[in-house]
């Protein structure tokens, strides 16, 4: 299983681009320097009034399939 850890800081205003479908993919830099891309629809469950903020983990299989996004617990 592959694991990608990163921090997100997306304002509510900026998230509207993802919500409206203007932007369909999220590209982030992981804490280890790798860059990863995933569907913007993964963010929906994490939206708050002030946007999306926090540390996240994206997991997938060795073929980069079956991706899941979780908020990292401190």
PDB file of N, CA and C in Angstrom:
ATOM      1  N   UNK A   1       0.843  -1.179   0.000  1.00  0.00           N
ATOM      2  CA  UNK A   1       0.000   0.000   0.000  1.00  0.00           C
ATOM      3  C   UNK A   1       0.886   1.240   0.000  1.00  0.00           C
ATOM      4  N   UNK A   2       0.553   2.177  -0.868  1.00  0.00           N
ATOM      5  CA  UNK A   2       1.276   3.448  -0.920  1.00  0.00           C
ATOM      6  C   UNK A   2       0.569   4.456  -0.020  1.00  0.00           C
ATOM      7  N   UNK A   3       1.375   5.340   0.573  1.00  0.00           N
ATOM      8  CA  UNK A   3       0.854   6.321   1.527  1.00  0.00           C
ATOM      9  C   UNK A   3       1.507   7.668   1.238  1.00  0.00           C
ATOM     10  N   UNK A   4       0.677   8.690   1.056  1.00  0.00           N
ATOM     11  CA  UNK A   4       1.154  10.036   0.755  1.00  0.00           C
ATOM     12  C   UNK A   4       0.610  10.987   1.812  1.00  0.00           C
ATOM     13  N   UNK A   5       1.496  11.672   2.525  1.00  0.00           N
ATOM     14  CA  UNK A   5       1.097  12.602   3.586  1.00  0.00           C
ATOM     15  C   UNK A   5       1.367  14.033   3.132  1.00  0.00           C
ATOM     16  N   UNK A   6       0.394  14.916   3.410  1.00  0.00           N
ATOM     17  CA  UNK A   6       0.529  16.312   2.989  1.00  0.00           C
ATOM     18  C   UNK A   6      -0.378  17.206   3.828  1.00  0.00           C
ATOM     19  N   UNK A   7      -0.147  18.497   3.730  1.00  0.00           N
ATOM     20  CA  UNK A   7      -0.949  19.504   4.431  1.00  0.00           C
ATOM     21  C   UNK A   7      -1.786  20.256   3.397  1.00  0.00           C
ATOM     22  N   UNK A   8      -3.045  20.526   3.725  1.00  0.00           N
ATOM     23  CA  UNK A   8      -3.911  21.328   2.856  1.00  0.00           C
ATOM     24  C   UNK A   8      -4.326  22.594   3.581  1.00  0.00           C
ATOM     25  N   UNK A   9      -4.345  23.680   2.850  1.00  0.00           N
ATOM     26  CA  UNK A   9      -4.788  24.967   3.366  1.00  0.00           C
ATOM     27  C   UNK A   9      -5.550  25.645   2.227  1.00  0.00           C
ATOM     28  N   UNK A  10      -6.824  25.262   2.056  1.00  0.00           N
ATOM     29  CA  UNK A  10      -7.641  25.765   0.956  1.00  0.00           C
ATOM     30  C   UNK A  10      -8.765  26.614   1.545  1.00  0.00           C
ATOM     31  N   UNK A  11      -8.800  27.882   1.189  1.00  0.00           N
ATOM     32  CA  UNK A  11      -9.852  28.773   1.699  1.00  0.00           C
ATOM     33  C   UNK A  11     -11.202  28.371   1.104  1.00  0.00           C
ATOM     34  N   UNK A  12     -12.269  28.801   1.752  1.00  0.00           N
ATOM     35  CA  UNK A  12     -13.612  28.511   1.250  1.00  0.00           C
ATOM     36  C   UNK A  12     -13.795  29.103  -0.150  1.00  0.00           C
ATOM     37  N   UNK A  13     -13.280  30.292  -0.366  1.00  0.00           N
ATOM     38  CA  UNK A  13     -13.392  30.945  -1.680  1.00  0.00           C
ATOM     39  C   UNK A  13     -12.668  30.136  -2.754  1.00  0.00           C
ATOM     40  N   UNK A  14     -11.477  29.687  -2.454  1.00  0.00           N
ATOM     41  CA  UNK A  14     -10.704  28.898  -3.417  1.00  0.00           C
ATOM     42  C   UNK A  14     -11.347  27.536  -3.664  1.00  0.00           C
ATOM     43  N   UNK A  15     -11.960  26.961  -2.629  1.00  0.00           N
ATOM     44  CA  UNK A  15     -12.604  25.654  -2.786  1.00  0.00           C
ATOM     45  C   UNK A  15     -13.756  25.705  -3.787  1.00  0.00           C
ATOM     46  N   UNK A  16     -14.376  26.877  -3.960  1.00  0.00           N
ATOM     47  CA  UNK A  16     -15.473  27.005  -4.920  1.00  0.00           C
ATOM     48  C   UNK A  16     -15.064  26.560  -6.326  1.00  0.00           C
ATOM     49  N   UNK A  17     -13.805  26.752  -6.704  1.00  0.00           N
ATOM     50  CA  UNK A  17     -13.333  26.286  -8.016  1.00  0.00           C
ATOM     51  C   UNK A  17     -13.422  24.765  -8.130  1.00  0.00           C
ATOM     52  N   UNK A  18     -13.136  24.073  -7.036  1.00  0.00           N
ATOM     53  CA  UNK A  18     -13.247  22.618  -7.023  1.00  0.00           C
ATOM     54  C   UNK A  18     -14.718  22.203  -7.018  1.00  0.00           C
ATOM     55  N   UNK A  19     -15.513  22.872  -6.209  1.00  0.00           N
ATOM     56  CA  UNK A  19     -16.936  22.561  -6.071  1.00  0.00           C
ATOM     57  C   UNK A  19     -17.684  22.743  -7.392  1.00  0.00           C
ATOM     58  N   UNK A  20     -17.380  23.810  -8.085  1.00  0.00           N
ATOM     59  CA  UNK A  20     -18.052  24.123  -9.354  1.00  0.00           C
ATOM     60  C   UNK A  20     -17.537  23.280 -10.509  1.00  0.00           C
ATOM     61  N   UNK A  21     -16.455  22.564 -10.305  1.00  0.00           N
ATOM     62  CA  UNK A  21     -15.904  21.728 -11.370  1.00  0.00           C
ATOM     63  C   UNK A  21     -14.931  22.454 -12.277  1.00  0.00           C
ATOM     64  N   UNK A  22     -14.626  23.709 -11.961  1.00  0.00           N
ATOM     65  CA  UNK A  22     -13.639  24.458 -12.732  1.00  0.00           C
ATOM     66  C   UNK A  22     -12.281  23.772 -12.629  1.00  0.00           C
ATOM     67  N   UNK A  23     -11.980  23.274 -11.442  1.00  0.00           N
ATOM     68  CA  UNK A  23     -10.760  22.502 -11.188  1.00  0.00           C
ATOM     69  C   UNK A  23     -11.191  21.105 -10.764  1.00  0.00           C
ATOM     70  N   UNK A  24     -10.759  20.087 -11.501  1.00  0.00           N
ATOM     71  CA  UNK A  24     -11.206  18.715 -11.224  1.00  0.00           C
ATOM     72  C   UNK A  24     -10.171  17.866 -10.486  1.00  0.00           C
ATOM     73  N   UNK A  25      -8.920  18.286 -10.525  1.00  0.00           N
ATOM     74  CA  UNK A  25      -7.851  17.537  -9.880  1.00  0.00           C
ATOM     75  C   UNK A  25      -7.116  18.416  -8.886  1.00  0.00           C
ATOM     76  N   UNK A  26      -6.697  17.826  -7.785  1.00  0.00           N
ATOM     77  CA  UNK A  26      -5.900  18.513  -6.772  1.00  0.00           C
ATOM     78  C   UNK A  26      -4.470  17.992  -6.908  1.00  0.00           C
ATOM     79  N   UNK A  27      -3.526  18.893  -6.950  1.00  0.00           N
ATOM     80  CA  UNK A  27      -2.113  18.523  -7.008  1.00  0.00           C
ATOM     81  C   UNK A  27      -1.453  19.076  -5.757  1.00  0.00           C
ATOM     82  N   UNK A  28      -0.814  18.197  -4.982  1.00  0.00           N
ATOM     83  CA  UNK A  28      -0.173  18.615  -3.740  1.00  0.00           C
ATOM     84  C   UNK A  28       1.254  18.095  -3.680  1.00  0.00           C
ATOM     85  N   UNK A  29       2.062  18.777  -2.883  1.00  0.00           N
ATOM     86  CA  UNK A  29       3.404  18.289  -2.609  1.00  0.00           C
ATOM     87  C   UNK A  29       3.384  17.639  -1.240  1.00  0.00           C
ATOM     88  N   UNK A  30       3.830  16.403  -1.190  1.00  0.00           N
ATOM     89  CA  UNK A  30       3.843  15.637   0.054  1.00  0.00           C
ATOM     90  C   UNK A  30       4.998  16.076   0.942  1.00  0.00           C
ATOM     91  N   UNK A  31       4.946  15.677   2.207  1.00  0.00           N
ATOM     92  CA  UNK A  31       5.991  16.078   3.148  1.00  0.00           C
ATOM     93  C   UNK A  31       7.342  15.479   2.776  1.00  0.00           C
ATOM     94  N   UNK A  32       7.353  14.388   1.977  1.00  0.00           N
ATOM     95  CA  UNK A  32       8.626  13.792   1.546  1.00  0.00           C
ATOM     96  C   UNK A  32       9.116  14.377   0.224  1.00  0.00           C
ATOM     97  N   UNK A  33       8.393  15.385  -0.308  1.00  0.00           N
ATOM     98  CA  UNK A  33       8.805  16.050  -1.544  1.00  0.00           C
ATOM     99  C   UNK A  33       8.130  15.513  -2.795  1.00  0.00           C
ATOM    100  N   UNK A  34       7.467  14.369  -2.716  1.00  0.00           N
ATOM    101  CA  UNK A  34       6.765  13.807  -3.868  1.00  0.00           C
ATOM    102  C   UNK A  34       5.563  14.670  -4.212  1.00  0.00           C
ATOM    103  N   UNK A  35       5.159  14.649  -5.463  1.00  0.00           N
ATOM    104  CA  UNK A  35       3.955  15.342  -5.896  1.00  0.00           C
ATOM    105  C   UNK A  35       2.908  14.299  -6.231  1.00  0.00           C
ATOM    106  N   UNK A  36       1.683  14.520  -5.769  1.00  0.00           N
ATOM    107  CA  UNK A  36       0.604  13.573  -6.011  1.00  0.00           C
ATOM    108  C   UNK A  36      -0.639  14.330  -6.472  1.00  0.00           C
ATOM    109  N   UNK A  37      -1.428  13.672  -7.306  1.00  0.00           N
ATOM    110  CA  UNK A  37      -2.647  14.259  -7.851  1.00  0.00           C
ATOM    111  C   UNK A  37      -3.814  13.329  -7.542  1.00  0.00           C
ATOM    112  N   UNK A  38      -4.971  13.918  -7.190  1.00  0.00           N
ATOM    113  CA  UNK A  38      -6.158  13.118  -6.910  1.00  0.00           C
ATOM    114  C   UNK A  38      -7.407  13.916  -7.269  1.00  0.00           C
ATOM    115  N   UNK A  39      -8.543  13.235  -7.438  1.00  0.00           N
ATOM    116  CA  UNK A  39      -9.785  13.931  -7.813  1.00  0.00           C
ATOM    117  C   UNK A  39     -10.246  14.912  -6.733  1.00  0.00           C
ATOM    118  N   UNK A  40     -10.688  16.086  -7.158  1.00  0.00           N
ATOM    119  CA  UNK A  40     -11.172  17.100  -6.228  1.00  0.00           C
ATOM    120  C   UNK A  40     -12.376  16.607  -5.433  1.00  0.00           C
ATOM    121  N   UNK A  41     -13.113  15.662  -5.960  1.00  0.00           N
ATOM    122  CA  UNK A  41     -14.287  15.130  -5.258  1.00  0.00           C
ATOM    123  C   UNK A  41     -13.917  14.484  -3.927  1.00  0.00           C
ATOM    124  N   UNK A  42     -12.662  14.079  -3.756  1.00  0.00           N
ATOM    125  CA  UNK A  42     -12.206  13.498  -2.487  1.00  0.00           C
ATOM    126  C   UNK A  42     -12.296  14.504  -1.339  1.00  0.00           C
ATOM    127  N   UNK A  43     -12.288  15.799  -1.663  1.00  0.00           N
ATOM    128  CA  UNK A  43     -12.262  16.841  -0.628  1.00  0.00           C
ATOM    129  C   UNK A  43     -13.619  17.121  -0.001  1.00  0.00           C
ATOM    130  N   UNK A  44     -14.695  16.772  -0.671  1.00  0.00           N
ATOM    131  CA  UNK A  44     -16.042  17.145  -0.247  1.00  0.00           C
ATOM    132  C   UNK A  44     -16.318  16.878   1.224  1.00  0.00           C
ATOM    133  N   UNK A  45     -15.936  15.734   1.713  1.00  0.00           N
ATOM    134  CA  UNK A  45     -16.238  15.365   3.103  1.00  0.00           C
ATOM    135  C   UNK A  45     -15.476  16.185   4.141  1.00  0.00           C
ATOM    136  N   UNK A  46     -14.469  16.944   3.707  1.00  0.00           N
ATOM    137  CA  UNK A  46     -13.634  17.698   4.647  1.00  0.00           C
ATOM    138  C   UNK A  46     -13.902  19.199   4.637  1.00  0.00           C
ATOM    139  N   UNK A  47     -14.868  19.660   3.857  1.00  0.00           N
ATOM    140  CA  UNK A  47     -15.139  21.089   3.730  1.00  0.00           C
ATOM    141  C   UNK A  47     -15.814  21.615   4.992  1.00  0.00           C
ATOM    142  N   UNK A  48     -15.284  22.708   5.503  1.00  0.00           N
ATOM    143  CA  UNK A  48     -15.869  23.417   6.645  1.00  0.00           C
ATOM    144  C   UNK A  48     -16.169  24.847   6.186  1.00  0.00           C
ATOM    145  N   UNK A  49     -16.759  25.631   7.037  1.00  0.00           N
ATOM    146  CA  UNK A  49     -17.120  27.013   6.704  1.00  0.00           C
ATOM    147  C   UNK A  49     -15.908  27.804   6.225  1.00  0.00           C
ATOM    148  N   UNK A  50     -14.754  27.555   6.826  1.00  0.00           N
ATOM    149  CA  UNK A  50     -13.540  28.299   6.476  1.00  0.00           C
ATOM    150  C   UNK A  50     -12.697  27.602   5.408  1.00  0.00           C
ATOM    151  N   UNK A  51     -13.193  26.550   4.799  1.00  0.00           N
ATOM    152  CA  UNK A  51     -12.463  25.844   3.754  1.00  0.00           C
ATOM    153  C   UNK A  51     -11.982  24.487   4.230  1.00  0.00           C
ATOM    154  N   UNK A  52     -10.817  24.099   3.758  1.00  0.00           N
ATOM    155  CA  UNK A  52     -10.233  22.808   4.119  1.00  0.00           C
ATOM    156  C   UNK A  52      -8.823  23.052   4.633  1.00  0.00           C
ATOM    157  N   UNK A  53      -8.576  22.655   5.874  1.00  0.00           N
ATOM    158  CA  UNK A  53      -7.286  22.896   6.503  1.00  0.00           C
ATOM    159  C   UNK A  53      -6.905  21.672   7.328  1.00  0.00           C
ATOM    160  N   UNK A  54      -5.659  21.278   7.253  1.00  0.00           N
ATOM    161  CA  UNK A  54      -5.192  20.181   8.088  1.00  0.00           C
ATOM    162  C   UNK A  54      -4.217  19.270   7.378  1.00  0.00           C
ATOM    163  N   UNK A  55      -3.830  18.229   8.080  1.00  0.00           N
ATOM    164  CA  UNK A  55      -2.902  17.225   7.563  1.00  0.00           C
ATOM    165  C   UNK A  55      -3.701  16.027   7.081  1.00  0.00           C
ATOM    166  N   UNK A  56      -3.338  15.521   5.907  1.00  0.00           N
ATOM    167  CA  UNK A  56      -4.089  14.452   5.268  1.00  0.00           C
ATOM    168  C   UNK A  56      -3.177  13.328   4.803  1.00  0.00           C
ATOM    169  N   UNK A  57      -3.801  12.163   4.620  1.00  0.00           N
ATOM    170  CA  UNK A  57      -3.099  10.991   4.100  1.00  0.00           C
ATOM    171  C   UNK A  57      -3.924  10.421   2.962  1.00  0.00           C
ATOM    172  N   UNK A  58      -3.290  10.246   1.822  1.00  0.00           N
ATOM    173  CA  UNK A  58      -3.907   9.592   0.671  1.00  0.00           C
ATOM    174  C   UNK A  58      -3.274   8.212   0.559  1.00  0.00           C
ATOM    175  N   UNK A  59      -4.092   7.173   0.545  1.00  0.00           N
ATOM    176  CA  UNK A  59      -3.579   5.809   0.399  1.00  0.00           C
ATOM    177  C   UNK A  59      -4.128   5.200  -0.883  1.00  0.00           C
ATOM    178  N   UNK A  60      -3.357   4.290  -1.461  1.00  0.00           N
ATOM    179  CA  UNK A  60      -3.791   3.571  -2.656  1.00  0.00           C
ATOM    180  C   UNK A  60      -2.963   2.294  -2.767  1.00  0.00           C
ATOM    181  N   UNK A  61      -3.353   1.424  -3.683  1.00  0.00           N
ATOM    182  CA  UNK A  61      -2.584   0.193  -3.861  1.00  0.00           C
ATOM    183  C   UNK A  61      -1.329   0.470  -4.691  1.00  0.00           C
ATOM    184  N   UNK A  62      -0.555  -0.548  -4.945  1.00  0.00           N
ATOM    185  CA  UNK A  62       0.720  -0.391  -5.662  1.00  0.00           C
ATOM    186  C   UNK A  62       0.538   0.106  -7.102  1.00  0.00           C
ATOM    187  N   UNK A  63      -0.671  -0.054  -7.656  1.00  0.00           N
ATOM    188  CA  UNK A  63      -0.974   0.405  -9.016  1.00  0.00           C
ATOM    189  C   UNK A  63      -1.682   1.753  -9.015  1.00  0.00           C
ATOM    190  N   UNK A  64      -1.663   2.418  -7.848  1.00  0.00           N
ATOM    191  CA  UNK A  64      -2.283   3.728  -7.666  1.00  0.00           C
ATOM    192  C   UNK A  64      -3.797   3.676  -7.881  1.00  0.00           C
ATOM    193  N   UNK A  65      -4.409   2.568  -7.535  1.00  0.00           N
ATOM    194  CA  UNK A  65      -5.868   2.388  -7.642  1.00  0.00           C
ATOM    195  C   UNK A  65      -6.460   2.279  -6.242  1.00  0.00           C
ATOM    196  N   UNK A  66      -7.762   2.442  -6.131  1.00  0.00           N
ATOM    197  CA  UNK A  66      -8.441   2.310  -4.841  1.00  0.00           C
ATOM    198  C   UNK A  66      -8.040   3.373  -3.843  1.00  0.00           C
ATOM    199  N   UNK A  67      -7.884   4.600  -4.313  1.00  0.00           N
ATOM    200  CA  UNK A  67      -7.423   5.695  -3.451  1.00  0.00           C
ATOM    201  C   UNK A  67      -8.456   6.093  -2.405  1.00  0.00           C
ATOM    202  N   UNK A  68      -7.966   6.432  -1.219  1.00  0.00           N
ATOM    203  CA  UNK A  68      -8.801   6.935  -0.130  1.00  0.00           C
ATOM    204  C   UNK A  68      -8.069   8.080   0.542  1.00  0.00           C
ATOM    205  N   UNK A  69      -8.825   9.118   0.898  1.00  0.00           N
ATOM    206  CA  UNK A  69      -8.257  10.285   1.572  1.00  0.00           C
ATOM    207  C   UNK A  69      -8.789  10.340   3.001  1.00  0.00           C
ATOM    208  N   UNK A  70      -7.873  10.545   3.952  1.00  0.00           N
ATOM    209  CA  UNK A  70      -8.236  10.625   5.374  1.00  0.00           C
ATOM    210  C   UNK A  70      -7.527  11.815   5.998  1.00  0.00           C
ATOM    211  N   UNK A  71      -8.197  12.429   6.973  1.00  0.00           N
ATOM    212  CA  UNK A  71      -7.532  13.470   7.759  1.00  0.00           C
ATOM    213  C   UNK A  71      -6.608  12.761   8.748  1.00  0.00           C
ATOM    214  N   UNK A  72      -5.385  13.224   8.845  1.00  0.00           N
ATOM    215  CA  UNK A  72      -4.410  12.611   9.744  1.00  0.00           C
ATOM    216  C   UNK A  72      -4.708  13.019  11.179  1.00  0.00           C
ATOM    217  N   UNK A  73      -4.755  12.046  12.055  1.00  0.00           N
ATOM    218  CA  UNK A  73      -4.980  12.301  13.474  1.00  0.00           C
ATOM    219  C   UNK A  73      -3.665  12.695  14.140  1.00  0.00           C
ATOM    220  N   UNK A  74      -3.710  13.719  14.995  1.00  0.00           N
ATOM    221  CA  UNK A  74      -2.477  14.146  15.665  1.00  0.00           C
ATOM    222  C   UNK A  74      -2.227  13.357  16.902  1.00  0.00           C
TER     223      UNK A  74
END
